[in-house]
Structures are given as C-alpha cells and as structure tokens.
Amino acid sequence: MKNKDKQFLQKWKRKREIGSKKYIFMHGFLGFGVMLTLLFSAIEIITNGSIIMNYMISRIVLLPTLGIIIFSTRWDSREKKYNRLVTR
C-alpha cells in the first residue's frame, strides 16, 4: 500500500468517527455554506456600503444547500475509497 493511501486511511478513519450527518453539517453547512455567506456579505458591505437583501436571502439559502450537496457527495466518495483500501 502506498504511503499516500495510508495517510488517507488514517485521516479518514478519524473523520468518519463523527458520522456522516455531523461531518456534512460541520464541513458542508457551517464550513462551506455559512462561511461563504459571511465572506460574500462582507465583500458586499465593503464594496457597496450596504447589503442588498435579495442577494443576502439567496446566499443564506443557496450556499449552505450547495455545501450540503457537495459534502454529502464527498462523504460518499471518501467512504467508497476507504472501503476499497481496507478490503485490499
């Protein structure tokens, strides 16, 4: 087994212990969705001096939803890779 695969197994083993729901919530909803919403809102305040409410509502809905979708897919692909490497 390659060193890269061993590192993946060690890291993913720790991350999978928290479970898929918590992983997706922490990384997808909070880490991706909420953080990007805050970042884009801050950029909008800096550049425009105010927040346009329609854009804010769109960011609040779309970015966390996108984060959940992306990190759900990421969880599934990492689980497949983990299981494939463990069964070797």
PDB file of N, CA and C in Angstrom:
ATOM      1  N   MET A   1       0.842  -1.183   0.000  1.00  0.00           N
ATOM      2  CA  MET A   1       0.000   0.000   0.000  1.00  0.00           C
ATOM      3  C   MET A   1       0.885   1.244   0.000  1.00  0.00           C
ATOM      4  N   LYS A   2       0.498   2.204  -0.803  1.00  0.00           N
ATOM      5  CA  LYS A   2       1.266   3.440  -0.910  1.00  0.00           C
ATOM      6  C   LYS A   2       1.142   4.271   0.363  1.00  0.00           C
ATOM      7  N   ASN A   3       2.155   5.079   0.612  1.00  0.00           N
ATOM      8  CA  ASN A   3       2.159   5.959   1.781  1.00  0.00           C
ATOM      9  C   ASN A   3       0.979   6.933   1.737  1.00  0.00           C
ATOM     10  N   LYS A   4       0.650   7.395   0.533  1.00  0.00           N
ATOM     11  CA  LYS A   4      -0.472   8.314   0.333  1.00  0.00           C
ATOM     12  C   LYS A   4      -1.788   7.663   0.773  1.00  0.00           C
ATOM     13  N   ASP A   5      -1.956   6.392   0.447  1.00  0.00           N
ATOM     14  CA  ASP A   5      -3.158   5.661   0.846  1.00  0.00           C
ATOM     15  C   ASP A   5      -3.202   5.456   2.358  1.00  0.00           C
ATOM     16  N   LYS A   6      -2.061   5.186   2.956  1.00  0.00           N
ATOM     17  CA  LYS A   6      -2.010   5.023   4.417  1.00  0.00           C
ATOM     18  C   LYS A   6      -2.401   6.317   5.121  1.00  0.00           C
ATOM     19  N   GLN A   7      -1.915   7.441   4.604  1.00  0.00           N
ATOM     20  CA  GLN A   7      -2.269   8.736   5.188  1.00  0.00           C
ATOM     21  C   GLN A   7      -3.766   8.996   5.055  1.00  0.00           C
ATOM     22  N   PHE A   8      -4.317   8.676   3.888  1.00  0.00           N
ATOM     23  CA  PHE A   8      -5.754   8.843   3.679  1.00  0.00           C
ATOM     24  C   PHE A   8      -6.535   8.013   4.688  1.00  0.00           C
ATOM     25  N   LEU A   9      -6.140   6.747   4.854  1.00  0.00           N
ATOM     26  CA  LEU A   9      -6.842   5.867   5.787  1.00  0.00           C
ATOM     27  C   LEU A   9      -6.820   6.416   7.207  1.00  0.00           C
ATOM     28  N   GLN A  10      -5.683   6.922   7.631  1.00  0.00           N
ATOM     29  CA  GLN A  10      -5.577   7.472   8.987  1.00  0.00           C
ATOM     30  C   GLN A  10      -6.473   8.700   9.157  1.00  0.00           C
ATOM     31  N   LYS A  11      -6.403   9.615   8.213  1.00  0.00           N
ATOM     32  CA  LYS A  11      -7.199  10.848   8.308  1.00  0.00           C
ATOM     33  C   LYS A  11      -8.696  10.555   8.218  1.00  0.00           C
ATOM     34  N   TRP A  12      -9.079   9.711   7.261  1.00  0.00           N
ATOM     35  CA  TRP A  12     -10.494   9.441   7.070  1.00  0.00           C
ATOM     36  C   TRP A  12     -11.069   8.631   8.227  1.00  0.00           C
ATOM     37  N   LYS A  13     -10.274   7.762   8.805  1.00  0.00           N
ATOM     38  CA  LYS A  13     -10.744   6.973   9.948  1.00  0.00           C
ATOM     39  C   LYS A  13     -11.159   7.895  11.089  1.00  0.00           C
ATOM     40  N   ARG A  14     -10.379   8.945  11.328  1.00  0.00           N
ATOM     41  CA  ARG A  14     -10.722   9.910  12.380  1.00  0.00           C
ATOM     42  C   ARG A  14     -11.982  10.691  12.018  1.00  0.00           C
ATOM     43  N   LYS A  15     -12.066  11.135  10.771  1.00  0.00           N
ATOM     44  CA  LYS A  15     -13.207  11.946  10.350  1.00  0.00           C
ATOM     45  C   LYS A  15     -14.500  11.142  10.321  1.00  0.00           C
ATOM     46  N   ARG A  16     -14.423   9.880   9.939  1.00  0.00           N
ATOM     47  CA  ARG A  16     -15.653   9.089   9.821  1.00  0.00           C
ATOM     48  C   ARG A  16     -16.213   8.708  11.177  1.00  0.00           C
ATOM     49  N   GLU A  17     -15.406   8.819  12.222  1.00  0.00           N
ATOM     50  CA  GLU A  17     -15.884   8.506  13.570  1.00  0.00           C
ATOM     51  C   GLU A  17     -16.974   9.475  14.027  1.00  0.00           C
ATOM     52  N   ILE A  18     -16.996  10.694  13.503  1.00  0.00           N
ATOM     53  CA  ILE A  18     -18.034  11.650  13.898  1.00  0.00           C
ATOM     54  C   ILE A  18     -19.366  11.364  13.211  1.00  0.00           C
ATOM     55  N   GLY A  19     -19.352  10.573  12.159  1.00  0.00           N
ATOM     56  CA  GLY A  19     -20.575  10.228  11.440  1.00  0.00           C
ATOM     57  C   GLY A  19     -20.858  11.172  10.284  1.00  0.00           C
ATOM     58  N   SER A  20     -21.653  10.686   9.368  1.00  0.00           N
ATOM     59  CA  SER A  20     -21.902  11.453   8.143  1.00  0.00           C
ATOM     60  C   SER A  20     -22.699  12.734   8.407  1.00  0.00           C
ATOM     61  N   LYS A  21     -23.708  12.668   9.255  1.00  0.00           N
ATOM     62  CA  LYS A  21     -24.537  13.860   9.483  1.00  0.00           C
ATOM     63  C   LYS A  21     -23.740  14.993  10.112  1.00  0.00           C
ATOM     64  N   LYS A  22     -22.953  14.655  11.105  1.00  0.00           N
ATOM     65  CA  LYS A  22     -22.153  15.690  11.766  1.00  0.00           C
ATOM     66  C   LYS A  22     -21.072  16.212  10.827  1.00  0.00           C
ATOM     67  N   TYR A  23     -20.445  15.321  10.048  1.00  0.00           N
ATOM     68  CA  TYR A  23     -19.428  15.719   9.072  1.00  0.00           C
ATOM     69  C   TYR A  23     -20.017  16.692   8.049  1.00  0.00           C
ATOM     70  N   ILE A  24     -21.176  16.336   7.501  1.00  0.00           N
ATOM     71  CA  ILE A  24     -21.816  17.173   6.484  1.00  0.00           C
ATOM     72  C   ILE A  24     -22.245  18.506   7.089  1.00  0.00           C
ATOM     73  N   PHE A  25     -22.770  18.480   8.302  1.00  0.00           N
ATOM     74  CA  PHE A  25     -23.187  19.723   8.959  1.00  0.00           C
ATOM     75  C   PHE A  25     -21.988  20.626   9.229  1.00  0.00           C
ATOM     76  N   MET A  26     -20.938  20.059   9.819  1.00  0.00           N
ATOM     77  CA  MET A  26     -19.770  20.866  10.184  1.00  0.00           C
ATOM     78  C   MET A  26     -19.023  21.391   8.971  1.00  0.00           C
ATOM     79  N   HIS A  27     -18.779  20.532   8.010  1.00  0.00           N
ATOM     80  CA  HIS A  27     -17.956  20.923   6.868  1.00  0.00           C
ATOM     81  C   HIS A  27     -18.768  21.543   5.730  1.00  0.00           C
ATOM     82  N   GLY A  28     -19.938  20.981   5.447  1.00  0.00           N
ATOM     83  CA  GLY A  28     -20.741  21.472   4.331  1.00  0.00           C
ATOM     84  C   GLY A  28     -21.588  22.675   4.679  1.00  0.00           C
ATOM     85  N   PHE A  29     -22.409  22.530   5.733  1.00  0.00           N
ATOM     86  CA  PHE A  29     -23.315  23.610   6.106  1.00  0.00           C
ATOM     87  C   PHE A  29     -22.560  24.773   6.734  1.00  0.00           C
ATOM     88  N   LEU A  30     -21.821  24.498   7.805  1.00  0.00           N
ATOM     89  CA  LEU A  30     -21.120  25.580   8.510  1.00  0.00           C
ATOM     90  C   LEU A  30     -19.858  26.028   7.778  1.00  0.00           C
ATOM     91  N   GLY A  31     -18.963  25.073   7.518  1.00  0.00           N
ATOM     92  CA  GLY A  31     -17.657  25.409   6.951  1.00  0.00           C
ATOM     93  C   GLY A  31     -17.723  25.987   5.551  1.00  0.00           C
ATOM     94  N   PHE A  32     -18.592  25.466   4.739  1.00  0.00           N
ATOM     95  CA  PHE A  32     -18.707  25.941   3.360  1.00  0.00           C
ATOM     96  C   PHE A  32     -19.812  26.982   3.244  1.00  0.00           C
ATOM     97  N   GLY A  33     -21.045  26.589   3.575  1.00  0.00           N
ATOM     98  CA  GLY A  33     -22.199  27.449   3.342  1.00  0.00           C
ATOM     99  C   GLY A  33     -22.226  28.720   4.159  1.00  0.00           C
ATOM    100  N   VAL A  34     -22.129  28.590   5.458  1.00  0.00           N
ATOM    101  CA  VAL A  34     -22.219  29.771   6.321  1.00  0.00           C
ATOM    102  C   VAL A  34     -20.996  30.661   6.145  1.00  0.00           C
ATOM    103  N   MET A  35     -19.816  30.056   6.067  1.00  0.00           N
ATOM    104  CA  MET A  35     -18.608  30.863   5.921  1.00  0.00           C
ATOM    105  C   MET A  35     -18.596  31.634   4.599  1.00  0.00           C
ATOM    106  N   LEU A  36     -19.010  31.011   3.508  1.00  0.00           N
ATOM    107  CA  LEU A  36     -19.074  31.735   2.236  1.00  0.00           C
ATOM    108  C   LEU A  36     -20.152  32.815   2.256  1.00  0.00           C
ATOM    109  N   THR A  37     -21.262  32.540   2.925  1.00  0.00           N
ATOM    110  CA  THR A  37     -22.301  33.558   3.064  1.00  0.00           C
ATOM    111  C   THR A  37     -21.748  34.780   3.784  1.00  0.00           C
ATOM    112  N   LEU A  38     -21.037  34.540   4.883  1.00  0.00           N
ATOM    113  CA  LEU A  38     -20.442  35.652   5.632  1.00  0.00           C
ATOM    114  C   LEU A  38     -19.382  36.383   4.807  1.00  0.00           C
ATOM    115  N   LEU A  39     -18.546  35.620   4.106  1.00  0.00           N
ATOM    116  CA  LEU A  39     -17.495  36.222   3.290  1.00  0.00           C
ATOM    117  C   LEU A  39     -18.080  37.089   2.185  1.00  0.00           C
ATOM    118  N   PHE A  40     -19.036  36.550   1.426  1.00  0.00           N
ATOM    119  CA  PHE A  40     -19.634  37.321   0.336  1.00  0.00           C
ATOM    120  C   PHE A  40     -20.405  38.528   0.858  1.00  0.00           C
ATOM    121  N   SER A  41     -21.016  38.388   2.023  1.00  0.00           N
ATOM    122  CA  SER A  41     -21.731  39.524   2.616  1.00  0.00           C
ATOM    123  C   SER A  41     -20.751  40.612   3.039  1.00  0.00           C
ATOM    124  N   ALA A  42     -19.632  40.204   3.613  1.00  0.00           N
ATOM    125  CA  ALA A  42     -18.608  41.185   3.999  1.00  0.00           C
ATOM    126  C   ALA A  42     -18.054  41.905   2.772  1.00  0.00           C
ATOM    127  N   ILE A  43     -17.802  41.167   1.709  1.00  0.00           N
ATOM    128  CA  ILE A  43     -17.317  41.780   0.468  1.00  0.00           C
ATOM    129  C   ILE A  43     -18.347  42.765  -0.072  1.00  0.00           C
ATOM    130  N   GLU A  44     -19.624  42.387  -0.001  1.00  0.00           N
ATOM    131  CA  GLU A  44     -20.678  43.282  -0.482  1.00  0.00           C
ATOM    132  C   GLU A  44     -20.741  44.563   0.351  1.00  0.00           C
ATOM    133  N   ILE A  45     -20.597  44.444   1.655  1.00  0.00           N
ATOM    134  CA  ILE A  45     -20.606  45.628   2.523  1.00  0.00           C
ATOM    135  C   ILE A  45     -19.409  46.527   2.212  1.00  0.00           C
ATOM    136  N   ILE A  46     -18.245  45.913   2.009  1.00  0.00           N
ATOM    137  CA  ILE A  46     -17.035  46.696   1.718  1.00  0.00           C
ATOM    138  C   ILE A  46     -17.158  47.416   0.373  1.00  0.00           C
ATOM    139  N   THR A  47     -17.657  46.723  -0.631  1.00  0.00           N
ATOM    140  CA  THR A  47     -17.710  47.324  -1.962  1.00  0.00           C
ATOM    141  C   THR A  47     -18.907  48.247  -2.164  1.00  0.00           C
ATOM    142  N   ASN A  48     -20.071  47.896  -1.590  1.00  0.00           N
ATOM    143  CA  ASN A  48     -21.288  48.685  -1.812  1.00  0.00           C
ATOM    144  C   ASN A  48     -21.673  49.568  -0.635  1.00  0.00           C
ATOM    145  N   GLY A  49     -21.150  49.259   0.526  1.00  0.00           N
ATOM    146  CA  GLY A  49     -21.529  50.027   1.708  1.00  0.00           C
ATOM    147  C   GLY A  49     -22.810  49.544   2.363  1.00  0.00           C
ATOM    148  N   SER A  50     -23.458  48.577   1.750  1.00  0.00           N
ATOM    149  CA  SER A  50     -24.690  48.015   2.318  1.00  0.00           C
ATOM    150  C   SER A  50     -24.914  46.624   1.737  1.00  0.00           C
ATOM    151  N   ILE A  51     -25.941  45.959   2.282  1.00  0.00           N
ATOM    152  CA  ILE A  51     -26.293  44.627   1.792  1.00  0.00           C
ATOM    153  C   ILE A  51     -27.613  44.711   1.049  1.00  0.00           C
ATOM    154  N   ILE A  52     -27.655  44.128  -0.125  1.00  0.00           N
ATOM    155  CA  ILE A  52     -28.899  44.028  -0.885  1.00  0.00           C
ATOM    156  C   ILE A  52     -29.616  42.781  -0.382  1.00  0.00           C
ATOM    157  N   MET A  53     -30.800  42.968   0.170  1.00  0.00           N
ATOM    158  CA  MET A  53     -31.499  41.891   0.865  1.00  0.00           C
ATOM    159  C   MET A  53     -31.794  40.684  -0.027  1.00  0.00           C
ATOM    160  N   ASN A  54     -32.128  40.896  -1.291  1.00  0.00           N
ATOM    161  CA  ASN A  54     -32.399  39.768  -2.195  1.00  0.00           C
ATOM    162  C   ASN A  54     -31.164  38.873  -2.339  1.00  0.00           C
ATOM    163  N   TYR A  55     -30.001  39.494  -2.464  1.00  0.00           N
ATOM    164  CA  TYR A  55     -28.761  38.719  -2.567  1.00  0.00           C
ATOM    165  C   TYR A  55     -28.463  37.988  -1.264  1.00  0.00           C
ATOM    166  N   MET A  56     -28.729  38.647  -0.152  1.00  0.00           N
ATOM    167  CA  MET A  56     -28.478  38.034   1.149  1.00  0.00           C
ATOM    168  C   MET A  56     -29.348  36.796   1.345  1.00  0.00           C
ATOM    169  N   ILE A  57     -30.618  36.914   1.026  1.00  0.00           N
ATOM    170  CA  ILE A  57     -31.530  35.772   1.156  1.00  0.00           C
ATOM    171  C   ILE A  57     -31.093  34.634   0.243  1.00  0.00           C
ATOM    172  N   SER A  58     -30.696  34.979  -0.979  1.00  0.00           N
ATOM    173  CA  SER A  58     -30.203  33.952  -1.913  1.00  0.00           C
ATOM    174  C   SER A  58     -28.974  33.246  -1.356  1.00  0.00           C
ATOM    175  N   ARG A  59     -28.052  34.007  -0.809  1.00  0.00           N
ATOM    176  CA  ARG A  59     -26.838  33.411  -0.223  1.00  0.00           C
ATOM    177  C   ARG A  59     -27.178  32.517   0.961  1.00  0.00           C
ATOM    178  N   ILE A  60     -28.082  32.964   1.813  1.00  0.00           N
ATOM    179  CA  ILE A  60     -28.453  32.191   3.007  1.00  0.00           C
ATOM    180  C   ILE A  60     -29.064  30.845   2.617  1.00  0.00           C
ATOM    181  N   VAL A  61     -29.813  30.816   1.540  1.00  0.00           N
ATOM    182  CA  VAL A  61     -30.469  29.580   1.101  1.00  0.00           C
ATOM    183  C   VAL A  61     -29.539  28.724   0.244  1.00  0.00           C
ATOM    184  N   LEU A  62     -28.924  29.322  -0.751  1.00  0.00           N
ATOM    185  CA  LEU A  62     -28.190  28.552  -1.752  1.00  0.00           C
ATOM    186  C   LEU A  62     -26.840  28.016  -1.276  1.00  0.00           C
ATOM    187  N   LEU A  63     -26.057  28.825  -0.616  1.00  0.00           N
ATOM    188  CA  LEU A  63     -24.704  28.384  -0.264  1.00  0.00           C
ATOM    189  C   LEU A  63     -24.681  27.239   0.753  1.00  0.00           C
ATOM    190  N   PRO A  64     -25.456  27.296   1.829  1.00  0.00           N
ATOM    191  CA  PRO A  64     -25.481  26.125   2.722  1.00  0.00           C
ATOM    192  C   PRO A  64     -26.043  24.872   2.043  1.00  0.00           C
ATOM    193  N   THR A  65     -27.057  25.058   1.187  1.00  0.00           N
ATOM    194  CA  THR A  65     -27.608  23.911   0.453  1.00  0.00           C
ATOM    195  C   THR A  65     -26.553  23.311  -0.469  1.00  0.00           C
ATOM    196  N   LEU A  66     -25.824  24.148  -1.165  1.00  0.00           N
ATOM    197  CA  LEU A  66     -24.747  23.680  -2.035  1.00  0.00           C
ATOM    198  C   LEU A  66     -23.668  22.968  -1.213  1.00  0.00           C
ATOM    199  N   GLY A  67     -23.335  23.513  -0.051  1.00  0.00           N
ATOM    200  CA  GLY A  67     -22.361  22.873   0.828  1.00  0.00           C
ATOM    201  C   GLY A  67     -22.798  21.489   1.266  1.00  0.00           C
ATOM    202  N   ILE A  68     -24.071  21.349   1.590  1.00  0.00           N
ATOM    203  CA  ILE A  68     -24.601  20.037   1.988  1.00  0.00           C
ATOM    204  C   ILE A  68     -24.495  19.052   0.833  1.00  0.00           C
ATOM    205  N   ILE A  69     -24.845  19.481  -0.361  1.00  0.00           N
ATOM    206  CA  ILE A  69     -24.772  18.600  -1.532  1.00  0.00           C
ATOM    207  C   ILE A  69     -23.331  18.193  -1.811  1.00  0.00           C
ATOM    208  N   ILE A  70     -22.425  19.149  -1.824  1.00  0.00           N
ATOM    209  CA  ILE A  70     -21.018  18.866  -2.120  1.00  0.00           C
ATOM    210  C   ILE A  70     -20.420  17.923  -1.081  1.00  0.00           C
ATOM    211  N   PHE A  71     -20.650  18.191   0.185  1.00  0.00           N
ATOM    212  CA  PHE A  71     -20.016  17.387   1.220  1.00  0.00           C
ATOM    213  C   PHE A  71     -20.721  16.045   1.436  1.00  0.00           C
ATOM    214  N   SER A  72     -21.983  15.912   1.035  1.00  0.00           N
ATOM    215  CA  SER A  72     -22.625  14.595   1.015  1.00  0.00           C
ATOM    216  C   SER A  72     -21.963  13.712  -0.037  1.00  0.00           C
ATOM    217  N   THR A  73     -21.739  14.304  -1.198  1.00  0.00           N
ATOM    218  CA  THR A  73     -21.063  13.584  -2.279  1.00  0.00           C
ATOM    219  C   THR A  73     -19.636  13.238  -1.879  1.00  0.00           C
ATOM    220  N   ARG A  74     -18.975  14.176  -1.233  1.00  0.00           N
ATOM    221  CA  ARG A  74     -17.598  13.944  -0.783  1.00  0.00           C
ATOM    222  C   ARG A  74     -17.551  12.815   0.239  1.00  0.00           C
ATOM    223  N   TRP A  75     -18.506  12.804   1.165  1.00  0.00           N
ATOM    224  CA  TRP A  75     -18.570  11.734   2.169  1.00  0.00           C
ATOM    225  C   TRP A  75     -18.692  10.384   1.466  1.00  0.00           C
ATOM    226  N   ASP A  76     -19.624  10.285   0.518  1.00  0.00           N
ATOM    227  CA  ASP A  76     -19.843   9.020  -0.185  1.00  0.00           C
ATOM    228  C   ASP A  76     -18.597   8.562  -0.936  1.00  0.00           C
ATOM    229  N   SER A  77     -17.941   9.473  -1.634  1.00  0.00           N
ATOM    230  CA  SER A  77     -16.754   9.076  -2.401  1.00  0.00           C
ATOM    231  C   SER A  77     -15.602   8.682  -1.477  1.00  0.00           C
ATOM    232  N   ARG A  78     -15.450   9.382  -0.364  1.00  0.00           N
ATOM    233  CA  ARG A  78     -14.393   9.030   0.594  1.00  0.00           C
ATOM    234  C   ARG A  78     -14.680   7.687   1.258  1.00  0.00           C
ATOM    235  N   GLU A  79     -15.936   7.400   1.539  1.00  0.00           N
ATOM    236  CA  GLU A  79     -16.304   6.116   2.135  1.00  0.00           C
ATOM    237  C   GLU A  79     -16.003   4.971   1.158  1.00  0.00           C
ATOM    238  N   LYS A  80     -16.323   5.183  -0.103  1.00  0.00           N
ATOM    239  CA  LYS A  80     -16.035   4.150  -1.112  1.00  0.00           C
ATOM    240  C   LYS A  80     -14.538   3.897  -1.198  1.00  0.00           C
ATOM    241  N   LYS A  81     -13.763   4.965  -1.232  1.00  0.00           N
ATOM    242  CA  LYS A  81     -12.312   4.820  -1.297  1.00  0.00           C
ATOM    243  C   LYS A  81     -11.786   4.118  -0.045  1.00  0.00           C
ATOM    244  N   TYR A  82     -12.279   4.511   1.113  1.00  0.00           N
ATOM    245  CA  TYR A  82     -11.848   3.903   2.386  1.00  0.00           C
ATOM    246  C   TYR A  82     -12.151   2.399   2.375  1.00  0.00           C
ATOM    247  N   ASN A  83     -13.380   2.046   2.018  1.00  0.00           N
ATOM    248  CA  ASN A  83     -13.767   0.630   1.998  1.00  0.00           C
ATOM    249  C   ASN A  83     -12.956  -0.172   0.990  1.00  0.00           C
ATOM    250  N   ARG A  84     -12.666   0.437  -0.157  1.00  0.00           N
ATOM    251  CA  ARG A  84     -11.849  -0.245  -1.168  1.00  0.00           C
ATOM    252  C   ARG A  84     -10.446  -0.503  -0.656  1.00  0.00           C
ATOM    253  N   LEU A  85      -9.857   0.480   0.031  1.00  0.00           N
ATOM    254  CA  LEU A  85      -8.499   0.319   0.551  1.00  0.00           C
ATOM    255  C   LEU A  85      -8.433  -0.645   1.724  1.00  0.00           C
ATOM    256  N   VAL A  86      -9.465  -0.659   2.553  1.00  0.00           N
ATOM    257  CA  VAL A  86      -9.486  -1.541   3.729  1.00  0.00           C
ATOM    258  C   VAL A  86      -9.644  -2.996   3.304  1.00  0.00           C
ATOM    259  N   THR A  87     -10.396  -3.257   2.240  1.00  0.00           N
ATOM    260  CA  THR A  87     -10.645  -4.641   1.825  1.00  0.00           C
ATOM    261  C   THR A  87      -9.539  -5.219   0.952  1.00  0.00           C
ATOM    262  N   ARG A  88      -8.507  -4.454   0.708  1.00  0.00           N
ATOM    263  CA  ARG A  88      -7.384  -4.984  -0.090  1.00  0.00           C
ATOM    264  C   ARG A  88      -6.658  -6.061   0.628  1.00  0.00           C
TER     265      ARG A  88
END
